[in-house]
């Protein structure tokens, strides 16, 4: 599995399809899905590793992560919230069968995806 950190987006698929889609904008065409957010994250890491391996086997260059993401942001973030908000999020995560962290990451990614124009 690739140890390089690439930014990704997660969004829900249509109600007919169900589940969630994860995409890696720095790796064209690299995406995966899963029934739950956590499954999409796991499948996405596998897809990223396979994408990178395929490029290397073909002798093609693997693009580096977007500079601002890999150099300026660690990915770790501490957030203080009201107890009632944390409780509500924890209950929602338990209902969906995912970790609180996975739920928060997916909700933030979904929110940004709805407000930011998509490339390509």
N, C-alpha and C. Protein backbone atom coordinates (compact mmCIF):
# COMPACT_ATOMS: atom_id res chain seq x y z
N UNK A 1 0.84 -1.18 0.00
CA UNK A 1 0.00 0.00 0.00
C UNK A 1 0.89 1.24 0.00
N UNK A 2 0.45 2.26 -0.70
CA UNK A 2 1.24 3.48 -0.81
C UNK A 2 1.20 4.28 0.48
N UNK A 3 2.37 4.74 0.92
CA UNK A 3 2.46 5.54 2.14
C UNK A 3 2.30 7.03 1.85
N UNK A 4 2.30 7.43 0.58
CA UNK A 4 2.16 8.83 0.23
C UNK A 4 0.73 9.28 0.49
N UNK A 5 0.59 10.44 1.12
CA UNK A 5 -0.73 10.98 1.43
C UNK A 5 -1.23 11.83 0.26
N UNK A 6 -2.34 11.45 -0.31
CA UNK A 6 -3.00 12.22 -1.37
C UNK A 6 -4.34 12.70 -0.85
N UNK A 7 -4.73 13.89 -1.25
CA UNK A 7 -6.04 14.40 -0.85
C UNK A 7 -7.11 13.59 -1.57
N UNK A 8 -8.29 13.54 -0.96
CA UNK A 8 -9.39 12.79 -1.55
C UNK A 8 -10.70 13.47 -1.21
N UNK A 9 -11.73 13.10 -1.95
CA UNK A 9 -13.08 13.55 -1.65
C UNK A 9 -13.96 12.32 -1.51
N UNK A 10 -14.95 12.43 -0.65
CA UNK A 10 -15.95 11.37 -0.49
C UNK A 10 -17.31 12.02 -0.64
N UNK A 11 -18.16 11.35 -1.40
CA UNK A 11 -19.52 11.86 -1.56
C UNK A 11 -20.47 10.68 -1.63
N UNK A 12 -21.71 10.90 -1.20
CA UNK A 12 -22.68 9.81 -1.31
C UNK A 12 -23.06 9.58 -2.76
N UNK A 13 -23.30 8.33 -3.10
CA UNK A 13 -23.81 8.01 -4.42
C UNK A 13 -25.31 8.25 -4.43
N UNK A 14 -25.94 8.12 -5.58
CA UNK A 14 -27.39 8.36 -5.65
C UNK A 14 -28.11 7.34 -4.77
N UNK A 15 -29.31 7.67 -4.32
CA UNK A 15 -30.06 6.72 -3.49
C UNK A 15 -30.25 5.36 -4.18
N UNK A 16 -30.40 5.36 -5.51
CA UNK A 16 -30.54 4.08 -6.23
C UNK A 16 -29.27 3.26 -6.16
N UNK A 17 -28.10 3.92 -6.24
CA UNK A 17 -26.81 3.21 -6.19
C UNK A 17 -26.46 2.84 -4.76
N UNK A 18 -26.68 3.78 -3.84
CA UNK A 18 -26.32 3.58 -2.45
C UNK A 18 -24.82 3.64 -2.23
N UNK A 19 -24.41 3.82 -1.01
CA UNK A 19 -23.00 3.83 -0.66
C UNK A 19 -22.34 5.18 -0.91
N UNK A 20 -21.00 5.15 -0.94
CA UNK A 20 -20.19 6.35 -1.04
C UNK A 20 -19.08 6.16 -2.06
N UNK A 21 -18.70 7.24 -2.71
CA UNK A 21 -17.62 7.24 -3.70
C UNK A 21 -16.46 8.06 -3.16
N UNK A 22 -15.24 7.52 -3.28
CA UNK A 22 -14.03 8.25 -2.91
C UNK A 22 -13.21 8.45 -4.18
N UNK A 23 -12.69 9.68 -4.36
CA UNK A 23 -11.88 10.02 -5.53
C UNK A 23 -10.61 10.72 -5.07
N UNK A 24 -9.52 10.52 -5.83
CA UNK A 24 -8.24 11.15 -5.56
C UNK A 24 -7.94 12.10 -6.72
N UNK A 25 -8.20 13.41 -6.55
CA UNK A 25 -8.04 14.36 -7.66
C UNK A 25 -6.64 14.41 -8.25
N UNK A 26 -5.60 14.13 -7.47
CA UNK A 26 -4.23 14.17 -7.99
C UNK A 26 -3.88 12.93 -8.82
N UNK A 27 -4.72 11.90 -8.76
CA UNK A 27 -4.48 10.65 -9.47
C UNK A 27 -5.65 10.41 -10.43
N UNK A 28 -5.55 10.91 -11.66
CA UNK A 28 -6.68 10.86 -12.60
C UNK A 28 -7.28 9.46 -12.77
N UNK A 29 -8.57 9.38 -12.53
CA UNK A 29 -9.29 8.12 -12.68
C UNK A 29 -9.22 7.21 -11.48
N UNK A 30 -8.51 7.59 -10.44
CA UNK A 30 -8.39 6.75 -9.24
C UNK A 30 -9.58 7.00 -8.33
N UNK A 31 -10.41 5.97 -8.18
CA UNK A 31 -11.59 6.08 -7.34
C UNK A 31 -12.01 4.71 -6.86
N UNK A 32 -12.87 4.69 -5.86
CA UNK A 32 -13.43 3.45 -5.33
C UNK A 32 -14.74 3.80 -4.65
N UNK A 33 -15.46 2.77 -4.24
CA UNK A 33 -16.69 3.03 -3.50
C UNK A 33 -16.83 2.02 -2.38
N UNK A 34 -17.86 2.20 -1.59
CA UNK A 34 -18.13 1.28 -0.50
C UNK A 34 -19.53 1.49 0.02
N UNK A 35 -20.05 0.49 0.68
CA UNK A 35 -21.40 0.57 1.25
C UNK A 35 -21.46 1.64 2.35
N UNK A 36 -20.38 1.76 3.12
CA UNK A 36 -20.30 2.74 4.20
C UNK A 36 -19.13 3.68 3.94
N UNK A 37 -19.06 4.75 4.69
CA UNK A 37 -17.95 5.69 4.56
C UNK A 37 -16.63 4.99 4.87
N UNK A 38 -16.63 4.22 5.94
CA UNK A 38 -15.41 3.53 6.35
C UNK A 38 -14.95 2.54 5.27
N UNK A 39 -15.89 1.82 4.67
CA UNK A 39 -15.55 0.87 3.60
C UNK A 39 -15.00 1.61 2.38
N UNK A 40 -15.58 2.77 2.06
CA UNK A 40 -15.08 3.56 0.94
C UNK A 40 -13.65 4.02 1.21
N UNK A 41 -13.36 4.42 2.45
CA UNK A 41 -12.00 4.84 2.80
C UNK A 41 -11.01 3.68 2.64
N UNK A 42 -11.38 2.50 3.11
CA UNK A 42 -10.50 1.32 3.00
C UNK A 42 -10.30 0.96 1.53
N UNK A 43 -11.40 0.89 0.77
CA UNK A 43 -11.31 0.56 -0.65
C UNK A 43 -10.52 1.62 -1.42
N UNK A 44 -10.64 2.87 -1.00
CA UNK A 44 -9.90 3.95 -1.64
C UNK A 44 -8.40 3.80 -1.46
N UNK A 45 -7.97 3.38 -0.27
CA UNK A 45 -6.54 3.19 -0.03
C UNK A 45 -6.01 2.06 -0.91
N UNK A 46 -6.81 1.01 -1.07
CA UNK A 46 -6.42 -0.10 -1.96
C UNK A 46 -6.34 0.38 -3.41
N UNK A 47 -7.34 1.17 -3.84
CA UNK A 47 -7.36 1.68 -5.22
C UNK A 47 -6.16 2.58 -5.47
N UNK A 48 -5.83 3.41 -4.49
CA UNK A 48 -4.67 4.31 -4.63
C UNK A 48 -3.39 3.50 -4.80
N UNK A 49 -3.21 2.47 -3.97
CA UNK A 49 -2.00 1.64 -4.07
C UNK A 49 -1.95 0.93 -5.42
N UNK A 50 -3.08 0.40 -5.87
CA UNK A 50 -3.13 -0.29 -7.17
C UNK A 50 -2.86 0.67 -8.32
N UNK A 51 -3.40 1.89 -8.25
CA UNK A 51 -3.21 2.90 -9.29
C UNK A 51 -1.72 3.24 -9.41
N UNK A 52 -1.09 3.48 -8.28
CA UNK A 52 0.33 3.83 -8.26
C UNK A 52 1.17 2.67 -8.79
N UNK A 53 0.85 1.45 -8.36
CA UNK A 53 1.59 0.27 -8.83
C UNK A 53 1.45 0.09 -10.34
N UNK A 54 0.25 0.31 -10.86
CA UNK A 54 0.03 0.17 -12.31
C UNK A 54 0.83 1.21 -13.09
N UNK A 55 0.89 2.43 -12.59
CA UNK A 55 1.66 3.47 -13.26
C UNK A 55 3.15 3.12 -13.25
N UNK A 56 3.64 2.65 -12.12
CA UNK A 56 5.06 2.29 -12.01
C UNK A 56 5.40 1.12 -12.93
N UNK A 57 4.51 0.10 -12.99
CA UNK A 57 4.75 -1.05 -13.87
C UNK A 57 4.77 -0.64 -15.34
N UNK A 58 3.96 0.37 -15.68
CA UNK A 58 3.90 0.85 -17.07
C UNK A 58 5.03 1.83 -17.38
N UNK A 59 5.85 2.16 -16.38
CA UNK A 59 6.95 3.10 -16.58
C UNK A 59 6.48 4.53 -16.72
N UNK A 60 5.30 4.81 -16.22
CA UNK A 60 4.74 6.17 -16.30
C UNK A 60 4.96 6.90 -14.98
N UNK A 61 5.08 8.22 -15.03
CA UNK A 61 5.33 8.97 -13.79
C UNK A 61 4.10 8.99 -12.89
N UNK A 62 4.36 8.94 -11.60
CA UNK A 62 3.30 9.07 -10.60
C UNK A 62 3.33 10.52 -10.12
N UNK A 63 2.22 11.25 -10.29
CA UNK A 63 2.24 12.66 -9.88
C UNK A 63 2.38 12.79 -8.36
N UNK A 64 3.10 13.80 -7.93
CA UNK A 64 3.20 14.02 -6.48
C UNK A 64 1.90 14.60 -5.96
N UNK A 65 1.66 14.49 -4.66
CA UNK A 65 0.47 15.12 -4.09
C UNK A 65 0.52 16.63 -4.31
N UNK A 66 -0.63 17.25 -4.37
CA UNK A 66 -0.69 18.69 -4.50
C UNK A 66 0.18 19.32 -3.41
N UNK A 67 1.06 20.22 -3.81
CA UNK A 67 2.06 20.77 -2.89
C UNK A 67 1.46 21.33 -1.62
N UNK A 68 0.40 22.12 -1.72
CA UNK A 68 -0.13 22.75 -0.51
C UNK A 68 -0.67 21.71 0.46
N UNK A 69 -1.21 20.60 -0.03
CA UNK A 69 -1.73 19.58 0.86
C UNK A 69 -0.62 18.81 1.55
N UNK A 70 0.43 18.48 0.81
CA UNK A 70 1.48 17.65 1.39
C UNK A 70 2.46 18.46 2.23
N UNK A 71 2.60 19.74 1.97
CA UNK A 71 3.60 20.52 2.69
C UNK A 71 3.02 21.40 3.79
N UNK A 72 1.82 21.94 3.59
CA UNK A 72 1.31 22.92 4.53
C UNK A 72 0.35 22.34 5.56
N UNK A 73 -0.24 21.18 5.29
CA UNK A 73 -1.26 20.65 6.18
C UNK A 73 -0.91 19.23 6.59
N UNK A 74 -0.96 18.96 7.88
CA UNK A 74 -0.61 17.63 8.37
C UNK A 74 -1.76 16.65 8.28
N UNK A 75 -2.99 17.13 8.28
CA UNK A 75 -4.15 16.25 8.30
C UNK A 75 -4.69 16.06 9.70
N UNK A 76 -3.89 16.35 10.70
CA UNK A 76 -4.36 16.25 12.08
C UNK A 76 -4.97 17.57 12.49
N UNK A 77 -6.12 17.47 13.17
CA UNK A 77 -6.85 18.67 13.54
C UNK A 77 -7.61 18.37 14.82
N UNK A 78 -7.48 19.23 15.80
CA UNK A 78 -8.19 19.08 17.06
C UNK A 78 -9.33 20.08 17.05
N UNK A 79 -10.52 19.61 17.38
CA UNK A 79 -11.71 20.45 17.33
C UNK A 79 -12.49 20.34 18.63
N UNK A 80 -12.80 21.46 19.22
CA UNK A 80 -13.63 21.46 20.43
C UNK A 80 -15.07 21.76 20.01
N UNK A 81 -16.01 20.99 20.57
CA UNK A 81 -17.43 21.19 20.28
C UNK A 81 -18.23 21.11 21.56
N UNK A 82 -19.48 21.48 21.45
CA UNK A 82 -20.40 21.29 22.58
C UNK A 82 -20.57 19.79 22.79
N UNK A 83 -20.80 19.39 24.03
CA UNK A 83 -20.99 17.98 24.34
C UNK A 83 -22.17 17.40 23.57
N UNK A 84 -23.23 18.19 23.43
CA UNK A 84 -24.42 17.69 22.74
C UNK A 84 -24.14 17.43 21.25
N UNK A 85 -23.29 18.25 20.62
CA UNK A 85 -22.94 18.03 19.23
C UNK A 85 -22.10 16.76 19.09
N UNK A 86 -21.14 16.59 19.97
CA UNK A 86 -20.31 15.38 19.92
C UNK A 86 -21.16 14.14 20.14
N UNK A 87 -22.09 14.21 21.09
CA UNK A 87 -22.96 13.08 21.36
C UNK A 87 -23.79 12.73 20.12
N UNK A 88 -24.35 13.75 19.48
CA UNK A 88 -25.15 13.53 18.27
C UNK A 88 -24.34 12.91 17.15
N UNK A 89 -23.11 13.39 16.95
CA UNK A 89 -22.24 12.82 15.93
C UNK A 89 -21.86 11.38 16.26
N UNK A 90 -21.56 11.13 17.54
CA UNK A 90 -21.19 9.77 17.95
C UNK A 90 -22.36 8.81 17.75
N UNK A 91 -23.56 9.25 18.04
CA UNK A 91 -24.74 8.40 17.83
C UNK A 91 -24.95 8.12 16.35
N UNK A 92 -24.77 9.14 15.51
CA UNK A 92 -24.93 8.96 14.06
C UNK A 92 -23.87 7.99 13.53
N UNK A 93 -22.63 8.14 14.00
CA UNK A 93 -21.56 7.23 13.57
C UNK A 93 -21.89 5.80 13.98
N UNK A 94 -22.39 5.61 15.19
CA UNK A 94 -22.76 4.27 15.66
C UNK A 94 -23.87 3.69 14.79
N UNK A 95 -24.86 4.51 14.42
CA UNK A 95 -25.95 4.05 13.56
C UNK A 95 -25.45 3.61 12.19
N UNK A 96 -24.45 4.33 11.66
CA UNK A 96 -23.92 4.03 10.34
C UNK A 96 -22.82 2.96 10.39
N UNK A 97 -22.41 2.58 11.59
CA UNK A 97 -21.40 1.55 11.72
C UNK A 97 -20.00 2.00 11.35
N UNK A 98 -19.69 3.29 11.59
CA UNK A 98 -18.38 3.83 11.27
C UNK A 98 -17.81 4.53 12.49
N UNK A 99 -16.55 4.87 12.42
CA UNK A 99 -15.93 5.61 13.52
C UNK A 99 -16.39 7.07 13.47
N UNK A 100 -16.29 7.74 14.59
CA UNK A 100 -16.62 9.16 14.65
C UNK A 100 -15.73 9.95 13.69
N UNK A 101 -14.45 9.60 13.63
CA UNK A 101 -13.52 10.28 12.74
C UNK A 101 -13.92 10.10 11.28
N UNK A 102 -14.25 8.86 10.88
CA UNK A 102 -14.65 8.61 9.49
C UNK A 102 -15.91 9.38 9.13
N UNK A 103 -16.86 9.43 10.04
CA UNK A 103 -18.09 10.18 9.79
C UNK A 103 -17.79 11.67 9.62
N UNK A 104 -16.99 12.23 10.51
CA UNK A 104 -16.68 13.66 10.43
C UNK A 104 -15.92 13.99 9.15
N UNK A 105 -14.96 13.16 8.77
CA UNK A 105 -14.21 13.39 7.53
C UNK A 105 -15.14 13.37 6.33
N UNK A 106 -16.02 12.37 6.27
CA UNK A 106 -16.94 12.26 5.14
C UNK A 106 -17.91 13.43 5.10
N UNK A 107 -18.42 13.85 6.25
CA UNK A 107 -19.36 14.98 6.28
C UNK A 107 -18.67 16.27 5.83
N UNK A 108 -17.45 16.49 6.28
CA UNK A 108 -16.71 17.68 5.87
C UNK A 108 -16.40 17.63 4.37
N UNK A 109 -15.97 16.48 3.88
CA UNK A 109 -15.67 16.34 2.45
C UNK A 109 -16.91 16.55 1.61
N UNK A 110 -18.03 16.00 2.07
CA UNK A 110 -19.28 16.16 1.34
C UNK A 110 -19.69 17.64 1.31
N UNK A 111 -19.56 18.30 2.42
CA UNK A 111 -19.92 19.72 2.50
C UNK A 111 -19.05 20.55 1.56
N UNK A 112 -17.76 20.32 1.55
CA UNK A 112 -16.86 21.05 0.67
C UNK A 112 -17.16 20.73 -0.79
N UNK A 113 -17.47 19.49 -1.08
CA UNK A 113 -17.78 19.08 -2.44
C UNK A 113 -19.02 19.77 -2.98
N UNK A 114 -19.97 20.05 -2.12
CA UNK A 114 -21.19 20.71 -2.57
C UNK A 114 -20.97 22.20 -2.79
N UNK A 115 -19.99 22.78 -2.13
CA UNK A 115 -19.79 24.22 -2.22
C UNK A 115 -18.65 24.64 -3.13
N UNK A 116 -17.78 23.69 -3.46
CA UNK A 116 -16.63 24.01 -4.30
C UNK A 116 -16.83 23.43 -5.68
N UNK A 117 -16.47 24.16 -6.73
CA UNK A 117 -16.60 23.60 -8.07
C UNK A 117 -15.66 22.42 -8.26
N UNK A 118 -16.13 21.41 -8.97
CA UNK A 118 -15.31 20.22 -9.22
C UNK A 118 -14.43 20.46 -10.43
N UNK A 119 -13.20 19.97 -10.38
CA UNK A 119 -12.28 20.06 -11.51
C UNK A 119 -12.66 19.01 -12.54
N UNK A 120 -12.42 19.36 -13.80
CA UNK A 120 -12.55 18.42 -14.88
C UNK A 120 -13.92 17.97 -15.09
